[in-house]
Amino acid sequence: MKPNPASSLSRRRFLRWLATSGAGTIAAGCRAKQIVTSLPPAAPAASPAPAAPTLLPPATRTPPATSTPSPSATPTPSFPSWAAIGQAASYNPALLRKTLAQMLDSLGGLGSLVRPGDRVGIKTNLTGSPMWDYRLPVPATELFVTHPAVVGVLGELLLDAGAGSLVVVDGLGDPANYPTWGYTEMARPLNARLVDLCTPEPFAGYASFPVGPGAFVYDTFSLNPTLGEVDVFISVAKMKVHSVAGVTLALKNLFGLAPTSQYRISPDHNQRSAFHGSYAFDTRVPRVILDLCRARPIHFSLIDGVLTGEGGAGPWDASLSPIQPGLLVASADPVAADAVSAGIMGFDPAASSGTAPFEHCDNYLALAHELGLGTHLLSEIGVTGPSIEEVRFPFRLPG
């Protein structure tokens, strides 16, 4: 998506500008279909997660003082990547729709991403299980998983832009995640399918997704074939920190593509344990992230930082506590989306491996840049909406 230098024009004049500027075709070259080969069905589902530790009491922090986006200068084509920042104090659908529509318009509009009839896949972040819910100080969707209202409003805008169908996907730790956390209700008016990537359903078996030349850890992944059927693939993540990866945003969200049964060291593990290396300093996790991003490329990223948590990625981190940044970040460059989000969170996305927030792993944003997946350098990213400095909301790391 290209930034829109004509956001103040009438709709007719904007459409004329869009047609002549080439903004409507920029994403088309990124959407090559996957070639997949059927594999045998999955092993039995994983066993339940262990009991959760008690969380810290809710934080008393408030959103940034700025309540409305600051006016932005007219974007110019001087940056290789662009990202949009939007502010929303709550998950009110009308507020989200207004904010997200403005963000998308500032990036050139969904017409540069979605063609009429496209099948759109939305990868949400529904890590964990409702078994933790009774211990939480706030609802899970306001603490560590993507809120269904964000996915629902994005889905409405995608259909308005001409998308033919929507499928919401994640590798669930518990089949109850979709109904319990509001996704079944959200999907109904959109006629969106909900797919659990930890099973091959509705197919008979998993499919092979090649990483391509220069794979780090995996040459191919065995994934649900649905991921190869979509024309547009969107990562909608929660803005969070992570005990190993430092930050978990659009790129790290793709960990949930992999069926647990195919990527655990032993049947009694309830997580993708084969993805992990040393917990002292992990060089494997960053490279698995990038292998996944090459096997199933991201076309657009949206990061939910309206209400979230700091001090961890989920209730298994005892230091997790609620915060209210009141922010959304979007970009057609997933590395830029993560970099801008990291900057908002008070971190340097170009920090050296071994320093915060990448104290326990290699800086996978820098590795992604080296691979040509996008840029992690804030000097190379144009930002529409309020600036990173205006909305900076430092996050506390786990521990």
Protein backbone atom coordinates (compact mmCIF):
# COMPACT_ATOMS: atom_id res chain seq x y z
CA MET A 1 0.00 0.00 0.00
CA LYS A 2 1.28 3.46 -0.88
CA PRO A 3 0.72 6.55 1.28
CA ASN A 4 -2.10 8.71 0.01
CA PRO A 5 -1.10 12.30 -0.76
CA ALA A 6 -4.70 13.13 -1.69
CA SER A 7 -6.60 12.15 1.46
CA SER A 8 -8.42 15.49 1.44
CA LEU A 9 -9.78 15.11 -2.13
CA SER A 10 -13.32 14.22 -3.04
CA ARG A 11 -14.04 10.52 -3.56
CA ARG A 12 -14.30 10.95 -7.36
CA ARG A 13 -11.04 12.87 -7.59
CA PHE A 14 -9.36 10.39 -5.21
CA LEU A 15 -10.43 7.43 -7.36
CA ARG A 16 -9.12 9.23 -10.44
CA TRP A 17 -5.80 9.84 -8.64
CA LEU A 18 -5.66 6.22 -7.50
CA ALA A 19 -6.21 4.95 -11.04
CA THR A 20 -3.45 7.10 -12.50
CA SER A 21 -0.91 6.80 -9.68
CA GLY A 22 -0.48 3.02 -9.75
CA ALA A 23 -1.43 2.75 -6.04
CA GLY A 24 -4.10 0.22 -6.88
CA THR A 25 -1.62 -2.31 -8.23
CA ILE A 26 1.34 -2.15 -5.89
CA ALA A 27 0.37 -5.21 -3.88
CA ALA A 28 -0.54 -7.44 -6.79
CA GLY A 29 2.96 -8.68 -7.40
CA CYS A 30 3.32 -9.97 -3.85
CA ARG A 31 0.53 -12.50 -3.98
CA ALA A 32 1.86 -15.66 -5.55
CA LYS A 33 -0.17 -18.73 -4.56
CA GLN A 34 1.45 -21.52 -2.59
CA ILE A 35 1.91 -24.91 -4.27
CA VAL A 36 0.88 -27.50 -1.72
CA THR A 37 1.10 -31.26 -1.45
CA SER A 38 -1.12 -33.31 0.85
CA LEU A 39 0.45 -35.00 3.85
CA PRO A 40 -0.95 -37.52 6.37
CA PRO A 41 -3.49 -36.39 8.99
CA ALA A 42 -2.33 -34.89 12.26
CA ALA A 43 -1.62 -36.67 15.52
CA PRO A 44 -4.07 -36.34 18.47
CA ALA A 45 -4.56 -32.90 20.02
CA ALA A 46 -2.22 -31.61 22.71
CA SER A 47 -2.86 -32.09 26.41
CA PRO A 48 -4.17 -29.18 28.56
CA ALA A 49 -1.77 -26.49 29.75
CA PRO A 50 -0.58 -26.46 33.40
CA ALA A 51 -2.22 -24.31 36.06
CA ALA A 52 -1.57 -20.58 35.76
CA PRO A 53 0.31 -18.40 38.25
CA THR A 54 -1.51 -15.53 39.90
CA LEU A 55 -1.23 -12.30 37.93
CA LEU A 56 -0.23 -8.92 39.25
CA PRO A 57 -3.12 -6.54 40.05
CA PRO A 58 -4.34 -4.28 37.21
CA ALA A 59 -2.02 -1.42 36.37
CA THR A 60 -3.16 2.15 37.02
CA ARG A 61 -1.54 3.57 33.90
CA THR A 62 -3.66 5.56 31.47
CA PRO A 63 -3.51 6.17 27.73
CA PRO A 64 -1.34 8.96 26.31
CA ALA A 65 -2.61 12.47 26.91
CA THR A 66 -3.21 13.06 23.20
CA SER A 67 -6.78 11.87 22.57
CA THR A 68 -7.02 12.57 18.83
CA PRO A 69 -4.50 12.01 16.05
CA SER A 70 -2.22 14.91 15.32
CA PRO A 71 -2.41 16.21 11.76
CA SER A 72 0.25 14.67 9.55
CA ALA A 73 2.13 16.36 6.77
CA THR A 74 1.24 15.17 3.27
CA PRO A 75 3.26 11.97 2.75
CA THR A 76 5.95 11.99 0.11
CA PRO A 77 7.51 8.99 -1.65
CA SER A 78 10.82 9.48 0.16
CA PHE A 79 10.53 6.39 2.39
CA PRO A 80 10.77 2.76 1.25
CA SER A 81 8.05 1.76 3.73
CA TRP A 82 5.08 3.40 5.39
CA ALA A 83 3.11 2.66 8.55
CA ALA A 84 0.02 4.24 10.05
CA ILE A 85 -0.60 4.89 13.74
CA GLY A 86 -4.16 5.32 14.98
CA GLN A 87 -5.58 6.11 18.41
CA ALA A 88 -8.63 4.45 19.95
CA ALA A 89 -9.51 4.62 23.64
CA SER A 90 -11.79 1.57 23.47
CA TYR A 91 -13.01 -1.29 21.27
CA ASN A 92 -16.21 0.53 20.37
CA PRO A 93 -16.87 -0.69 16.79
CA ALA A 94 -17.83 2.75 15.46
CA LEU A 95 -14.64 4.27 16.89
CA LEU A 96 -12.51 1.43 15.56
CA ARG A 97 -14.08 1.71 12.10
CA LYS A 98 -13.45 5.45 11.92
CA THR A 99 -9.86 5.11 13.14
CA LEU A 100 -8.96 2.13 10.98
CA ALA A 101 -10.58 3.64 7.87
CA GLN A 102 -8.47 6.78 8.34
CA MET A 103 -5.33 4.69 8.79
CA LEU A 104 -5.99 2.61 5.69
CA ASP A 105 -6.83 5.69 3.63
CA SER A 106 -3.56 7.32 4.69
CA LEU A 107 -1.72 4.26 3.33
CA GLY A 108 -3.45 4.35 -0.03
CA GLY A 109 -6.66 2.47 0.69
CA LEU A 110 -7.55 -1.22 0.61
CA GLY A 111 -7.93 -1.04 -3.16
CA SER A 112 -4.15 -1.43 -3.38
CA LEU A 113 -4.35 -4.67 -1.39
CA VAL A 114 -7.65 -6.40 -2.22
CA ARG A 115 -8.97 -7.16 -5.69
CA PRO A 116 -12.67 -7.90 -6.28
CA GLY A 117 -13.49 -11.44 -5.21
CA ASP A 118 -10.23 -12.05 -3.33
CA ARG A 119 -10.17 -14.67 -0.60
CA VAL A 120 -8.66 -13.03 2.48
CA GLY A 121 -7.06 -14.90 5.36
CA ILE A 122 -6.74 -13.15 8.72
CA LYS A 123 -4.28 -14.64 11.22
CA THR A 124 -5.32 -13.57 14.68
CA ASN A 125 -3.43 -14.16 17.95
CA LEU A 126 -5.45 -16.46 20.22
CA THR A 127 -2.64 -17.96 22.23
CA GLY A 128 -3.39 -19.89 25.41
CA SER A 129 -6.79 -21.09 26.53
CA PRO A 130 -9.93 -19.93 28.36
CA MET A 131 -8.77 -22.17 31.21
CA TRP A 132 -6.75 -19.14 32.36
CA ASP A 133 -9.71 -16.76 32.28
CA TYR A 134 -10.86 -17.08 35.87
CA ARG A 135 -7.44 -15.91 37.05
CA LEU A 136 -7.31 -12.82 34.86
CA PRO A 137 -7.76 -9.26 36.20
CA VAL A 138 -9.41 -8.23 32.89
CA PRO A 139 -10.85 -10.22 29.93
CA ALA A 140 -8.31 -12.14 27.85
CA THR A 141 -9.16 -10.03 24.79
CA GLU A 142 -8.11 -6.91 26.71
CA LEU A 143 -4.89 -8.46 27.98
CA PHE A 144 -3.08 -10.95 25.72
CA VAL A 145 -5.15 -12.01 22.68
CA THR A 146 -6.36 -10.05 19.65
CA HIS A 147 -9.74 -8.45 20.34
CA PRO A 148 -12.51 -9.75 18.04
CA ALA A 149 -13.79 -6.20 17.45
CA VAL A 150 -10.52 -5.30 15.68
CA VAL A 151 -10.80 -8.34 13.40
CA GLY A 152 -14.52 -7.71 12.86
CA VAL A 153 -14.10 -4.08 11.81
CA LEU A 154 -11.18 -4.98 9.54
CA GLY A 155 -13.36 -7.70 8.02
CA GLU A 156 -16.15 -5.21 7.30
CA LEU A 157 -13.72 -2.86 5.56
CA LEU A 158 -12.26 -5.72 3.52
CA LEU A 159 -15.73 -6.76 2.32
CA ASP A 160 -16.54 -3.14 1.52
CA ALA A 161 -13.36 -3.07 -0.58
CA GLY A 162 -14.53 -6.06 -2.62
CA ALA A 163 -13.16 -9.11 -0.82
CA GLY A 164 -15.12 -12.18 -1.86
CA SER A 165 -14.69 -14.19 1.35
CA LEU A 166 -12.97 -14.08 4.72
CA VAL A 167 -11.34 -16.85 6.73
CA VAL A 168 -10.03 -16.25 10.26
CA VAL A 169 -7.25 -18.63 11.26
CA ASP A 170 -5.07 -19.56 14.22
CA GLY A 171 -3.54 -22.67 15.72
CA LEU A 172 -5.67 -22.97 18.83
CA GLY A 173 -4.48 -24.36 22.13
CA ASP A 174 -8.13 -25.00 22.97
CA PRO A 175 -11.11 -25.38 20.57
CA ALA A 176 -13.10 -23.20 23.00
CA ASN A 177 -11.02 -20.11 22.10
CA TYR A 178 -13.21 -19.02 19.19
CA PRO A 179 -16.62 -19.17 20.95
CA THR A 180 -15.39 -18.09 24.39
CA TRP A 181 -13.44 -15.07 23.21
CA GLY A 182 -16.16 -13.70 20.92
CA TYR A 183 -14.94 -14.88 17.52
CA THR A 184 -17.90 -17.09 16.65
CA GLU A 185 -20.27 -14.18 17.23
CA MET A 186 -17.98 -11.75 15.37
CA ALA A 187 -17.67 -14.00 12.32
CA ARG A 188 -21.39 -14.65 11.82
CA PRO A 189 -22.45 -11.33 10.19
CA LEU A 190 -19.32 -11.37 8.02
CA ASN A 191 -20.01 -14.92 6.86
CA ALA A 192 -16.37 -15.58 7.79
CA ARG A 193 -15.07 -19.10 8.30
CA LEU A 194 -13.12 -19.91 11.46
CA VAL A 195 -10.32 -22.45 11.00
CA ASP A 196 -8.23 -24.09 13.71
CA LEU A 197 -4.78 -24.54 12.17
CA CYS A 198 -3.89 -27.20 14.74
CA THR A 199 -6.03 -29.58 12.66
CA PRO A 200 -6.01 -30.12 8.88
CA GLU A 201 -9.80 -29.67 8.69
CA PRO A 202 -11.65 -29.21 6.41
CA PHE A 203 -8.96 -31.12 4.49
CA ALA A 204 -7.88 -34.73 4.93
CA GLY A 205 -4.27 -33.86 5.75
CA TYR A 206 -1.72 -31.12 6.06
CA ALA A 207 0.12 -29.60 3.10
CA SER A 208 3.75 -28.76 2.45
CA PHE A 209 4.68 -25.06 2.34
CA PRO A 210 8.26 -24.51 1.12
CA VAL A 211 10.41 -21.80 2.69
CA GLY A 212 12.53 -21.33 -0.42
CA PRO A 213 16.25 -20.68 -0.88
CA GLY A 214 18.25 -19.82 2.23
CA ALA A 215 15.94 -21.48 4.76
CA PHE A 216 17.36 -21.27 8.27
CA VAL A 217 15.79 -24.18 10.19
CA TYR A 218 12.94 -25.69 8.15
CA ASP A 219 12.95 -26.25 4.39
CA THR A 220 9.16 -26.74 4.46
CA PHE A 221 6.31 -26.56 6.96
CA SER A 222 3.33 -28.91 7.23
CA LEU A 223 0.36 -26.57 7.55
CA ASN A 224 -3.39 -26.46 7.02
CA PRO A 225 -4.00 -26.20 3.24
CA THR A 226 -6.39 -23.28 3.83
CA LEU A 227 -3.28 -21.07 4.06
CA GLY A 228 -2.50 -21.82 0.43
CA GLU A 229 -6.00 -20.99 -0.82
CA VAL A 230 -6.11 -17.34 0.25
CA ASP A 231 -5.18 -14.52 -2.13
CA VAL A 232 -4.38 -12.02 0.63
CA PHE A 233 -2.90 -12.92 4.01
CA ILE A 234 -3.11 -10.50 6.94
CA SER A 235 -1.47 -10.77 10.37
CA VAL A 236 -3.53 -9.15 13.14
CA ALA A 237 -1.41 -9.36 16.27
CA LYS A 238 -1.54 -8.11 19.85
CA MET A 239 1.08 -5.56 20.93
CA LYS A 240 3.10 -7.47 23.54
CA VAL A 241 6.55 -8.30 24.87
CA HIS A 242 7.92 -11.84 24.98
CA SER A 243 10.25 -13.64 27.39
CA VAL A 244 12.38 -15.08 24.56
CA ALA A 245 11.70 -13.06 21.40
CA GLY A 246 11.65 -9.65 23.12
CA VAL A 247 8.56 -8.42 21.27
CA THR A 248 5.74 -10.48 19.76
CA LEU A 249 3.97 -8.64 16.98
CA ALA A 250 3.06 -9.30 13.32
CA LEU A 251 6.03 -11.54 12.48
CA LYS A 252 6.07 -13.62 15.68
CA ASN A 253 2.28 -14.04 15.29
CA LEU A 254 3.03 -16.61 12.58
CA PHE A 255 4.22 -19.12 15.19
CA GLY A 256 0.52 -19.96 15.48
CA LEU A 257 0.39 -21.19 11.87
CA ALA A 258 2.04 -24.46 12.84
CA PRO A 259 -0.04 -27.36 14.19
CA THR A 260 1.22 -28.22 17.66
CA SER A 261 1.06 -31.95 16.98
CA GLN A 262 3.57 -31.61 14.13
CA TYR A 263 6.07 -29.37 15.95
CA ARG A 264 6.48 -30.68 19.48
CA ILE A 265 9.40 -32.74 20.72
CA SER A 266 7.20 -35.36 22.40
CA PRO A 267 3.45 -36.14 22.56
CA ASP A 268 3.18 -34.91 26.16
CA HIS A 269 4.22 -31.37 25.17
CA ASN A 270 1.38 -28.87 24.78
CA GLN A 271 3.34 -26.29 22.80
CA ARG A 272 5.50 -26.05 19.67
CA SER A 273 8.57 -27.14 21.62
CA ALA A 274 10.53 -28.10 18.48
CA PHE A 275 10.64 -24.41 17.54
CA HIS A 276 12.63 -23.48 20.66
CA GLY A 277 16.35 -23.63 21.26
CA SER A 278 18.24 -22.49 24.34
CA TYR A 279 16.26 -20.48 26.88
CA ALA A 280 19.51 -18.76 27.92
CA PHE A 281 19.96 -17.15 24.48
CA ASP A 282 17.83 -18.46 21.63
CA THR A 283 19.12 -18.26 18.07
CA ARG A 284 16.54 -20.78 16.81
CA VAL A 285 13.26 -18.92 17.57
CA PRO A 286 14.18 -15.84 15.47
CA ARG A 287 15.04 -18.02 12.49
CA VAL A 288 11.92 -20.16 12.76
CA ILE A 289 9.90 -16.93 12.72
CA LEU A 290 11.57 -15.88 9.47
CA ASP A 291 11.19 -19.33 7.91
CA LEU A 292 7.45 -19.15 8.63
CA CYS A 293 7.24 -15.64 7.17
CA ARG A 294 8.80 -16.89 3.94
CA ALA A 295 6.65 -20.02 3.74
CA ARG A 296 3.45 -17.98 4.18
CA PRO A 297 4.26 -14.31 3.37
CA ILE A 298 2.31 -11.52 5.07
CA HIS A 299 0.66 -8.97 2.78
CA PHE A 300 -0.60 -6.60 5.47
CA SER A 301 -0.24 -6.24 9.25
CA LEU A 302 -2.46 -4.71 11.89
CA ILE A 303 -1.37 -4.60 15.52
CA ASP A 304 -3.89 -4.27 18.36
CA GLY A 305 -2.49 -2.09 21.12
CA VAL A 306 -5.78 -0.59 22.31
CA LEU A 307 -5.79 -2.65 25.51
CA THR A 308 -3.04 -5.16 26.16
CA GLY A 309 -0.56 -6.34 28.77
CA GLU A 310 3.05 -5.67 29.66
CA GLY A 311 5.53 -7.88 31.46
CA GLY A 312 4.74 -10.95 29.38
CA ALA A 313 2.95 -12.50 26.42
CA GLY A 314 0.27 -14.32 28.43
CA PRO A 315 -0.86 -15.34 31.91
CA TRP A 316 1.88 -17.97 32.09
CA ASP A 317 4.18 -14.99 32.70
CA ALA A 318 3.59 -14.07 36.34
CA SER A 319 4.63 -10.44 35.71
CA LEU A 320 1.85 -9.82 33.13
CA SER A 321 -0.37 -6.85 33.97
CA PRO A 322 -2.94 -4.77 32.02
CA ILE A 323 -2.13 -1.50 30.27
CA GLN A 324 -4.04 0.83 27.93
CA PRO A 325 -1.85 2.29 25.18
CA GLY A 326 -4.96 3.09 23.10
CA LEU A 327 -3.15 2.47 19.79
CA LEU A 328 -3.30 0.61 16.48
CA VAL A 329 -0.43 0.19 14.01
CA ALA A 330 -0.81 -0.89 10.37
CA SER A 331 1.52 -1.41 7.42
CA ALA A 332 1.89 -3.41 4.21
CA ASP A 333 5.49 -3.99 5.37
CA PRO A 334 5.27 -6.41 8.33
CA VAL A 335 8.81 -5.61 9.45
CA ALA A 336 8.01 -1.89 9.49
CA ALA A 337 4.79 -2.55 11.44
CA ASP A 338 6.82 -4.41 14.07
CA ALA A 339 9.54 -1.75 14.11
CA VAL A 340 7.09 1.12 14.62
CA SER A 341 5.30 -0.86 17.33
CA ALA A 342 8.60 -1.62 19.06
CA GLY A 343 9.45 2.08 18.94
CA ILE A 344 6.10 2.94 20.51
CA MET A 345 6.79 0.33 23.20
CA GLY A 346 9.96 2.18 24.14
CA PHE A 347 12.47 -0.08 22.37
CA ASP A 348 14.98 0.39 19.59
CA PRO A 349 13.96 -2.01 16.81
CA ALA A 350 17.57 -1.93 15.57
CA ALA A 351 19.02 -2.85 18.98
CA SER A 352 21.92 -5.29 18.99
CA SER A 353 21.20 -8.91 19.82
CA GLY A 354 21.68 -9.44 23.55
CA THR A 355 20.33 -5.98 24.44
CA ALA A 356 16.76 -4.96 25.30
CA PRO A 357 14.31 -6.00 24.06
CA PHE A 358 16.33 -8.77 22.36
CA GLU A 359 18.21 -9.75 25.50
CA HIS A 360 17.48 -13.46 25.07
CA CYS A 361 17.57 -13.93 21.30
CA ASP A 362 18.95 -12.56 18.07
CA ASN A 363 17.20 -9.44 16.77
CA TYR A 364 14.89 -11.08 14.23
CA LEU A 365 13.74 -7.69 12.88
CA ALA A 366 17.33 -7.05 11.79
CA LEU A 367 17.52 -10.54 10.27
CA ALA A 368 14.22 -9.89 8.44
CA HIS A 369 15.70 -6.68 7.02
CA GLU A 370 18.78 -8.55 5.81
CA LEU A 371 16.50 -11.05 4.05
CA GLY A 372 14.66 -8.24 2.26
CA LEU A 373 11.35 -8.89 4.03
CA GLY A 374 11.02 -5.22 5.00
CA THR A 375 12.81 -2.53 6.97
CA HIS A 376 13.30 -2.29 10.73
CA LEU A 377 15.05 1.09 10.55
CA LEU A 378 12.77 3.88 11.75
CA SER A 379 14.68 6.33 9.56
CA GLU A 380 13.40 4.41 6.52
CA ILE A 381 9.74 4.29 7.60
CA GLY A 382 7.27 7.08 6.91
CA VAL A 383 4.56 7.35 9.59
CA THR A 384 1.06 8.72 9.05
CA GLY A 385 -1.10 9.83 11.97
CA PRO A 386 0.56 10.83 15.24
CA SER A 387 4.31 10.34 15.49
CA ILE A 388 5.98 7.58 17.49
CA GLU A 389 7.23 10.23 19.93
CA GLU A 390 3.72 11.60 20.51
CA VAL A 391 2.26 8.24 21.49
CA ARG A 392 5.26 6.42 22.98
CA PHE A 393 4.11 4.08 25.74
CA PRO A 394 7.05 2.21 27.29
CA PHE A 395 6.37 -1.47 28.04
CA ARG A 396 7.90 -3.40 30.92
CA LEU A 397 9.72 -6.58 29.85
CA PRO A 398 9.05 -9.94 31.59
CA GLY A 399 10.67 -10.56 34.91
